[in-house]
Structure formats: C-alpha cells, structure tokens
PDB file of N, CA and C in Angstrom:
ATOM      1  N   UNK A   1     -32.476   3.509  75.297  1.00  0.00           N
ATOM      2  CA  UNK A   1     -33.285   3.460  76.485  1.00  0.00           C
ATOM      3  C   UNK A   1     -34.630   4.129  76.171  1.00  0.00           C
ATOM      4  N   UNK A   2     -35.675   3.582  76.728  1.00  0.00           N
ATOM      5  CA  UNK A   2     -37.010   4.163  76.581  1.00  0.00           C
ATOM      6  C   UNK A   2     -37.399   4.869  77.870  1.00  0.00           C
ATOM      7  N   UNK A   3     -38.010   6.039  77.725  1.00  0.00           N
ATOM      8  CA  UNK A   3     -38.501   6.814  78.852  1.00  0.00           C
ATOM      9  C   UNK A   3     -39.991   7.054  78.657  1.00  0.00           C
ATOM     10  N   UNK A   4     -40.763   6.935  79.740  1.00  0.00           N
ATOM     11  CA  UNK A   4     -42.176   7.294  79.719  1.00  0.00           C
ATOM     12  C   UNK A   4     -42.360   8.467  80.666  1.00  0.00           C
ATOM     13  N   UNK A   5     -42.908   9.555  80.143  1.00  0.00           N
ATOM     14  CA  UNK A   5     -43.206  10.736  80.941  1.00  0.00           C
ATOM     15  C   UNK A   5     -44.717  10.786  81.129  1.00  0.00           C
ATOM     16  N   UNK A   6     -45.151  10.765  82.385  1.00  0.00           N
ATOM     17  CA  UNK A   6     -46.580  10.694  82.688  1.00  0.00           C
ATOM     18  C   UNK A   6     -46.914  11.655  83.822  1.00  0.00           C
ATOM     19  N   UNK A   7     -48.167  12.115  83.879  1.00  0.00           N
ATOM     20  CA  UNK A   7     -48.560  13.008  84.963  1.00  0.00           C
ATOM     21  C   UNK A   7     -48.537  12.336  86.334  1.00  0.00           C
ATOM     22  N   UNK A   8     -48.699  11.003  86.376  1.00  0.00           N
ATOM     23  CA  UNK A   8     -48.698  10.288  87.656  1.00  0.00           C
ATOM     24  C   UNK A   8     -48.193   8.862  87.458  1.00  0.00           C
ATOM     25  N   UNK A   9     -47.802   8.243  88.547  1.00  0.00           N
ATOM     26  CA  UNK A   9     -47.307   6.859  88.500  1.00  0.00           C
ATOM     27  C   UNK A   9     -48.398   5.908  88.013  1.00  0.00           C
ATOM     28  N   UNK A  10     -49.636   6.117  88.463  1.00  0.00           N
ATOM     29  CA  UNK A  10     -50.725   5.215  88.053  1.00  0.00           C
ATOM     30  C   UNK A  10     -50.978   5.307  86.546  1.00  0.00           C
ATOM     31  N   UNK A  11     -50.897   6.509  85.986  1.00  0.00           N
ATOM     32  CA  UNK A  11     -51.069   6.658  84.528  1.00  0.00           C
ATOM     33  C   UNK A  11     -49.952   5.955  83.779  1.00  0.00           C
ATOM     34  N   UNK A  12     -48.731   6.052  84.285  1.00  0.00           N
ATOM     35  CA  UNK A  12     -47.595   5.383  83.648  1.00  0.00           C
ATOM     36  C   UNK A  12     -47.785   3.870  83.679  1.00  0.00           C
ATOM     37  N   UNK A  13     -48.206   3.335  84.810  1.00  0.00           N
ATOM     38  CA  UNK A  13     -48.399   1.891  84.924  1.00  0.00           C
ATOM     39  C   UNK A  13     -49.531   1.404  84.024  1.00  0.00           C
ATOM     40  N   UNK A  14     -50.623   2.163  83.958  1.00  0.00           N
ATOM     41  CA  UNK A  14     -51.726   1.804  83.052  1.00  0.00           C
ATOM     42  C   UNK A  14     -51.253   1.796  81.602  1.00  0.00           C
ATOM     43  N   UNK A  15     -50.459   2.796  81.241  1.00  0.00           N
ATOM     44  CA  UNK A  15     -49.942   2.874  79.878  1.00  0.00           C
ATOM     45  C   UNK A  15     -49.054   1.667  79.579  1.00  0.00           C
ATOM     46  N   UNK A  16     -48.183   1.316  80.506  1.00  0.00           N
ATOM     47  CA  UNK A  16     -47.273   0.192  80.274  1.00  0.00           C
ATOM     48  C   UNK A  16     -48.013  -1.138  80.171  1.00  0.00           C
ATOM     49  N   UNK A  17     -49.121  -1.277  80.872  1.00  0.00           N
ATOM     50  CA  UNK A  17     -49.909  -2.519  80.795  1.00  0.00           C
ATOM     51  C   UNK A  17     -50.581  -2.676  79.444  1.00  0.00           C
ATOM     52  N   UNK A  18     -51.001  -1.561  78.852  1.00  0.00           N
ATOM     53  CA  UNK A  18     -51.852  -1.618  77.662  1.00  0.00           C
ATOM     54  C   UNK A  18     -51.288  -0.866  76.461  1.00  0.00           C
ATOM     55  N   UNK A  19     -49.973  -0.694  76.378  1.00  0.00           N
ATOM     56  CA  UNK A  19     -49.439   0.122  75.278  1.00  0.00           C
ATOM     57  C   UNK A  19     -49.286  -0.702  73.996  1.00  0.00           C
ATOM     58  N   UNK A  20     -49.270  -0.010  72.890  1.00  0.00           N
ATOM     59  CA  UNK A  20     -49.134  -0.661  71.582  1.00  0.00           C
ATOM     60  C   UNK A  20     -47.719  -0.534  71.033  1.00  0.00           C
ATOM     61  N   UNK A  21     -46.782  -0.081  71.860  1.00  0.00           N
ATOM     62  CA  UNK A  21     -45.405   0.123  71.437  1.00  0.00           C
ATOM     63  C   UNK A  21     -44.485  -1.027  71.828  1.00  0.00           C
ATOM     64  N   UNK A  22     -45.010  -2.010  72.537  1.00  0.00           N
ATOM     65  CA  UNK A  22     -44.187  -3.143  72.957  1.00  0.00           C
ATOM     66  C   UNK A  22     -43.291  -2.844  74.142  1.00  0.00           C
ATOM     67  N   UNK A  23     -43.628  -1.800  74.908  1.00  0.00           N
ATOM     68  CA  UNK A  23     -42.823  -1.437  76.070  1.00  0.00           C
ATOM     69  C   UNK A  23     -43.167  -2.325  77.257  1.00  0.00           C
ATOM     70  N   UNK A  24     -42.178  -2.572  78.099  1.00  0.00           N
ATOM     71  CA  UNK A  24     -42.411  -3.352  79.307  1.00  0.00           C
ATOM     72  C   UNK A  24     -41.910  -2.572  80.520  1.00  0.00           C
ATOM     73  N   UNK A  25     -41.755  -3.252  81.645  1.00  0.00           N
ATOM     74  CA  UNK A  25     -41.409  -2.560  82.884  1.00  0.00           C
ATOM     75  C   UNK A  25     -39.929  -2.174  82.980  1.00  0.00           C
ATOM     76  N   UNK A  26     -39.154  -2.359  81.919  1.00  0.00           N
ATOM     77  CA  UNK A  26     -37.753  -1.946  81.931  1.00  0.00           C
ATOM     78  C   UNK A  26     -37.556  -0.491  81.514  1.00  0.00           C
ATOM     79  N   UNK A  27     -38.619   0.179  81.109  1.00  0.00           N
ATOM     80  CA  UNK A  27     -38.494   1.587  80.725  1.00  0.00           C
ATOM     81  C   UNK A  27     -38.272   2.432  81.975  1.00  0.00           C
ATOM     82  N   UNK A  28     -37.697   3.597  81.766  1.00  0.00           N
ATOM     83  CA  UNK A  28     -37.529   4.540  82.869  1.00  0.00           C
ATOM     84  C   UNK A  28     -38.768   5.424  82.908  1.00  0.00           C
ATOM     85  N   UNK A  29     -39.451   5.424  84.041  1.00  0.00           N
ATOM     86  CA  UNK A  29     -40.672   6.212  84.201  1.00  0.00           C
ATOM     87  C   UNK A  29     -40.339   7.511  84.922  1.00  0.00           C
ATOM     88  N   UNK A  30     -40.821   8.598  84.357  1.00  0.00           N
ATOM     89  CA  UNK A  30     -40.683   9.913  84.976  1.00  0.00           C
ATOM     90  C   UNK A  30     -42.085  10.484  85.141  1.00  0.00           C
ATOM     91  N   UNK A  31     -42.390  10.950  86.343  1.00  0.00           N
ATOM     92  CA  UNK A  31     -43.702  11.538  86.620  1.00  0.00           C
ATOM     93  C   UNK A  31     -43.555  13.038  86.877  1.00  0.00           C
ATOM     94  N   UNK A  32     -44.689  13.702  87.045  1.00  0.00           N
ATOM     95  CA  UNK A  32     -44.685  15.145  87.275  1.00  0.00           C
ATOM     96  C   UNK A  32     -43.887  15.510  88.521  1.00  0.00           C
ATOM     97  N   UNK A  33     -43.761  14.589  89.470  1.00  0.00           N
ATOM     98  CA  UNK A  33     -43.005  14.874  90.695  1.00  0.00           C
ATOM     99  C   UNK A  33     -41.518  14.523  90.576  1.00  0.00           C
ATOM    100  N   UNK A  34     -41.100  13.986  89.439  1.00  0.00           N
ATOM    101  CA  UNK A  34     -39.695  13.621  89.235  1.00  0.00           C
ATOM    102  C   UNK A  34     -38.846  14.861  89.011  1.00  0.00           C
ATOM    103  N   UNK A  35     -37.597  14.790  89.427  1.00  0.00           N
ATOM    104  CA  UNK A  35     -36.649  15.869  89.149  1.00  0.00           C
ATOM    105  C   UNK A  35     -36.007  15.587  87.799  1.00  0.00           C
ATOM    106  N   UNK A  36     -36.247  16.450  86.859  1.00  0.00           N
ATOM    107  CA  UNK A  36     -35.771  16.241  85.495  1.00  0.00           C
ATOM    108  C   UNK A  36     -34.608  17.141  85.115  1.00  0.00           C
ATOM    109  N   UNK A  37     -34.239  18.065  85.973  1.00  0.00           N
ATOM    110  CA  UNK A  37     -33.214  19.050  85.638  1.00  0.00           C
ATOM    111  C   UNK A  37     -31.917  18.385  85.220  1.00  0.00           C
ATOM    112  N   UNK A  38     -31.462  18.717  84.016  1.00  0.00           N
ATOM    113  CA  UNK A  38     -30.175  18.253  83.527  1.00  0.00           C
ATOM    114  C   UNK A  38     -30.128  16.826  83.023  1.00  0.00           C
ATOM    115  N   UNK A  39     -31.261  16.146  82.957  1.00  0.00           N
ATOM    116  CA  UNK A  39     -31.263  14.775  82.449  1.00  0.00           C
ATOM    117  C   UNK A  39     -30.884  14.810  80.969  1.00  0.00           C
ATOM    118  N   UNK A  40     -29.987  13.923  80.568  1.00  0.00           N
ATOM    119  CA  UNK A  40     -29.524  13.897  79.180  1.00  0.00           C
ATOM    120  C   UNK A  40     -30.006  12.637  78.485  1.00  0.00           C
ATOM    121  N   UNK A  41     -30.274  12.784  77.217  1.00  0.00           N
ATOM    122  CA  UNK A  41     -30.761  11.670  76.400  1.00  0.00           C
ATOM    123  C   UNK A  41     -29.806  11.452  75.236  1.00  0.00           C
ATOM    124  N   UNK A  42     -29.829  10.249  74.718  1.00  0.00           N
ATOM    125  CA  UNK A  42     -28.936   9.886  73.606  1.00  0.00           C
ATOM    126  C   UNK A  42     -29.742   9.661  72.331  1.00  0.00           C
ATOM    127  N   UNK A  43     -29.040   9.487  71.248  1.00  0.00           N
ATOM    128  CA  UNK A  43     -29.664   9.289  69.940  1.00  0.00           C
ATOM    129  C   UNK A  43     -30.576   8.066  69.924  1.00  0.00           C
ATOM    130  N   UNK A  44     -30.228   6.997  70.598  1.00  0.00           N
ATOM    131  CA  UNK A  44     -31.034   5.781  70.596  1.00  0.00           C
ATOM    132  C   UNK A  44     -32.199   5.803  71.570  1.00  0.00           C
ATOM    133  N   UNK A  45     -32.332   6.867  72.349  1.00  0.00           N
ATOM    134  CA  UNK A  45     -33.419   6.963  73.325  1.00  0.00           C
ATOM    135  C   UNK A  45     -34.724   7.342  72.639  1.00  0.00           C
ATOM    136  N   UNK A  46     -35.815   6.850  73.212  1.00  0.00           N
ATOM    137  CA  UNK A  46     -37.149   7.241  72.757  1.00  0.00           C
ATOM    138  C   UNK A  46     -37.915   7.748  73.958  1.00  0.00           C
ATOM    139  N   UNK A  47     -38.483   8.948  73.830  1.00  0.00           N
ATOM    140  CA  UNK A  47     -39.245   9.580  74.903  1.00  0.00           C
ATOM    141  C   UNK A  47     -40.725   9.490  74.558  1.00  0.00           C
ATOM    142  N   UNK A  48     -41.484   8.786  75.376  1.00  0.00           N
ATOM    143  CA  UNK A  48     -42.930   8.668  75.205  1.00  0.00           C
ATOM    144  C   UNK A  48     -43.573   9.635  76.188  1.00  0.00           C
ATOM    145  N   UNK A  49     -44.255  10.640  75.676  1.00  0.00           N
ATOM    146  CA  UNK A  49     -44.842  11.672  76.523  1.00  0.00           C
ATOM    147  C   UNK A  49     -46.354  11.517  76.491  1.00  0.00           C
ATOM    148  N   UNK A  50     -46.927  11.154  77.639  1.00  0.00           N
ATOM    149  CA  UNK A  50     -48.365  10.940  77.726  1.00  0.00           C
ATOM    150  C   UNK A  50     -49.102  12.266  77.825  1.00  0.00           C
ATOM    151  N   UNK A  51     -50.335  12.297  77.319  1.00  0.00           N
ATOM    152  CA  UNK A  51     -51.129  13.514  77.426  1.00  0.00           C
ATOM    153  C   UNK A  51     -51.420  13.804  78.895  1.00  0.00           C
ATOM    154  N   UNK A  52     -51.546  15.060  79.206  1.00  0.00           N
ATOM    155  CA  UNK A  52     -51.842  15.465  80.574  1.00  0.00           C
ATOM    156  C   UNK A  52     -50.616  15.826  81.394  1.00  0.00           C
ATOM    157  N   UNK A  53     -49.422  15.736  80.812  1.00  0.00           N
ATOM    158  CA  UNK A  53     -48.220  16.143  81.541  1.00  0.00           C
ATOM    159  C   UNK A  53     -48.249  17.654  81.731  1.00  0.00           C
ATOM    160  N   UNK A  54     -47.878  18.133  82.917  1.00  0.00           N
ATOM    161  CA  UNK A  54     -47.905  19.579  83.166  1.00  0.00           C
ATOM    162  C   UNK A  54     -46.896  20.328  82.291  1.00  0.00           C
ATOM    163  N   UNK A  55     -47.174  21.595  82.051  1.00  0.00           N
ATOM    164  CA  UNK A  55     -46.338  22.397  81.159  1.00  0.00           C
ATOM    165  C   UNK A  55     -44.903  22.524  81.673  1.00  0.00           C
ATOM    166  N   UNK A  56     -44.701  22.570  82.976  1.00  0.00           N
ATOM    167  CA  UNK A  56     -43.345  22.652  83.523  1.00  0.00           C
ATOM    168  C   UNK A  56     -42.540  21.396  83.162  1.00  0.00           C
ATOM    169  N   UNK A  57     -43.191  20.256  83.210  1.00  0.00           N
ATOM    170  CA  UNK A  57     -42.537  18.998  82.853  1.00  0.00           C
ATOM    171  C   UNK A  57     -42.171  19.004  81.370  1.00  0.00           C
ATOM    172  N   UNK A  58     -43.079  19.450  80.532  1.00  0.00           N
ATOM    173  CA  UNK A  58     -42.819  19.509  79.091  1.00  0.00           C
ATOM    174  C   UNK A  58     -41.667  20.455  78.777  1.00  0.00           C
ATOM    175  N   UNK A  59     -41.604  21.575  79.500  1.00  0.00           N
ATOM    176  CA  UNK A  59     -40.500  22.518  79.291  1.00  0.00           C
ATOM    177  C   UNK A  59     -39.165  21.888  79.678  1.00  0.00           C
ATOM    178  N   UNK A  60     -39.141  21.144  80.775  1.00  0.00           N
ATOM    179  CA  UNK A  60     -37.904  20.471  81.200  1.00  0.00           C
ATOM    180  C   UNK A  60     -37.458  19.438  80.171  1.00  0.00           C
ATOM    181  N   UNK A  61     -38.410  18.685  79.642  1.00  0.00           N
ATOM    182  CA  UNK A  61     -38.076  17.687  78.613  1.00  0.00           C
ATOM    183  C   UNK A  61     -37.485  18.381  77.387  1.00  0.00           C
ATOM    184  N   UNK A  62     -38.088  19.479  76.984  1.00  0.00           N
ATOM    185  CA  UNK A  62     -37.613  20.204  75.812  1.00  0.00           C
ATOM    186  C   UNK A  62     -36.200  20.746  76.035  1.00  0.00           C
ATOM    187  N   UNK A  63     -35.961  21.351  77.184  1.00  0.00           N
ATOM    188  CA  UNK A  63     -34.629  21.897  77.483  1.00  0.00           C
ATOM    189  C   UNK A  63     -33.592  20.780  77.539  1.00  0.00           C
ATOM    190  N   UNK A  64     -33.940  19.683  78.222  1.00  0.00           N
ATOM    191  CA  UNK A  64     -33.004  18.564  78.335  1.00  0.00           C
ATOM    192  C   UNK A  64     -32.692  17.961  76.972  1.00  0.00           C
ATOM    193  N   UNK A  65     -33.680  17.912  76.097  1.00  0.00           N
ATOM    194  CA  UNK A  65     -33.446  17.390  74.743  1.00  0.00           C
ATOM    195  C   UNK A  65     -32.521  18.302  73.957  1.00  0.00           C
ATOM    196  N   UNK A  66     -32.656  19.598  74.173  1.00  0.00           N
ATOM    197  CA  UNK A  66     -31.823  20.559  73.448  1.00  0.00           C
ATOM    198  C   UNK A  66     -30.373  20.517  73.913  1.00  0.00           C
ATOM    199  N   UNK A  67     -30.130  20.236  75.202  1.00  0.00           N
ATOM    200  CA  UNK A  67     -28.753  20.224  75.697  1.00  0.00           C
ATOM    201  C   UNK A  67     -28.068  18.874  75.491  1.00  0.00           C
ATOM    202  N   UNK A  68     -28.840  17.876  75.113  1.00  0.00           N
ATOM    203  CA  UNK A  68     -28.254  16.562  74.880  1.00  0.00           C
ATOM    204  C   UNK A  68     -27.412  16.600  73.608  1.00  0.00           C
ATOM    205  N   UNK A  69     -26.280  15.897  73.612  1.00  0.00           N
ATOM    206  CA  UNK A  69     -25.399  15.945  72.439  1.00  0.00           C
ATOM    207  C   UNK A  69     -26.042  15.384  71.170  1.00  0.00           C
ATOM    208  N   UNK A  70     -26.885  14.384  71.317  1.00  0.00           N
ATOM    209  CA  UNK A  70     -27.628  13.842  70.181  1.00  0.00           C
ATOM    210  C   UNK A  70     -29.105  13.871  70.539  1.00  0.00           C
ATOM    211  N   UNK A  71     -29.936  13.894  69.552  1.00  0.00           N
ATOM    212  CA  UNK A  71     -31.364  14.066  69.791  1.00  0.00           C
ATOM    213  C   UNK A  71     -32.096  12.731  69.911  1.00  0.00           C
ATOM    214  N   UNK A  72     -32.938  12.594  70.934  1.00  0.00           N
ATOM    215  CA  UNK A  72     -33.747  11.387  71.073  1.00  0.00           C
ATOM    216  C   UNK A  72     -34.976  11.467  70.171  1.00  0.00           C
ATOM    217  N   UNK A  73     -35.621  10.330  69.968  1.00  0.00           N
ATOM    218  CA  UNK A  73     -36.913  10.314  69.276  1.00  0.00           C
ATOM    219  C   UNK A  73     -37.984  10.675  70.307  1.00  0.00           C
ATOM    220  N   UNK A  74     -38.943  11.477  69.897  1.00  0.00           N
ATOM    221  CA  UNK A  74     -40.013  11.905  70.809  1.00  0.00           C
ATOM    222  C   UNK A  74     -41.344  11.461  70.228  1.00  0.00           C
ATOM    223  N   UNK A  75     -42.139  10.775  71.064  1.00  0.00           N
ATOM    224  CA  UNK A  75     -43.459  10.316  70.648  1.00  0.00           C
ATOM    225  C   UNK A  75     -44.473  10.862  71.633  1.00  0.00           C
ATOM    226  N   UNK A  76     -45.428  11.625  71.119  1.00  0.00           N
ATOM    227  CA  UNK A  76     -46.513  12.152  71.936  1.00  0.00           C
ATOM    228  C   UNK A  76     -47.658  11.153  71.894  1.00  0.00           C
ATOM    229  N   UNK A  77     -48.103  10.714  73.074  1.00  0.00           N
ATOM    230  CA  UNK A  77     -49.108   9.666  73.159  1.00  0.00           C
ATOM    231  C   UNK A  77     -50.411  10.235  73.703  1.00  0.00           C
ATOM    232  N   UNK A  78     -51.464  10.150  72.899  1.00  0.00           N
ATOM    233  CA  UNK A  78     -52.797  10.536  73.364  1.00  0.00           C
ATOM    234  C   UNK A  78     -53.526   9.265  73.760  1.00  0.00           C
ATOM    235  N   UNK A  79     -53.966   9.199  74.992  1.00  0.00           N
ATOM    236  CA  UNK A  79     -54.704   8.027  75.466  1.00  0.00           C
ATOM    237  C   UNK A  79     -56.195   8.363  75.451  1.00  0.00           C
ATOM    238  N   UNK A  80     -56.927   7.636  74.665  1.00  0.00           N
ATOM    239  CA  UNK A  80     -58.379   7.862  74.594  1.00  0.00           C
ATOM    240  C   UNK A  80     -59.085   6.548  74.583  1.00  0.00           C
TER     241      UNK A  80
END
C-alpha cells in the first residue's frame, strides 16, 4: 500500500496529479489533521512524505514505523 503524508489535502492532490512516482488516487492520503496514532505499516508499504509536514506529524510517522512489525520504505519528497 502507498501512503502520502502532506500538510494539507490540496497539497496531496497537487502531488498526486503531477508526481513522478506513478501514484494515482488509490493511495491512502494522510494530512496534518489526520489521526495517525497507532497506524501500522507493512514491509510492502511505501510512505511518501511531502515537505512542509508539521513536526508532530513526522514524529507520529516515525513512532508508527518503529512499532510496525516490518519496516516500510520511506521517501521524502521535496516539491520545488
């Protein structure tokens, strides 16, 4: 499963329209207002983290990745 973490819904949608990773609207989008506590990821998951995500969101992603039984792939995306 692919996850996109973005500071806002509009940023996530813009990224999905113009991304170079081949992602489409089937990815799970998480925004700064999403509840991330306890979310678990699997080995086949890929987490795309857009620039501008708040530090609290990044901390939740890190903790959730650490408690997951297998580690997901993490890609930090700078949009310029």
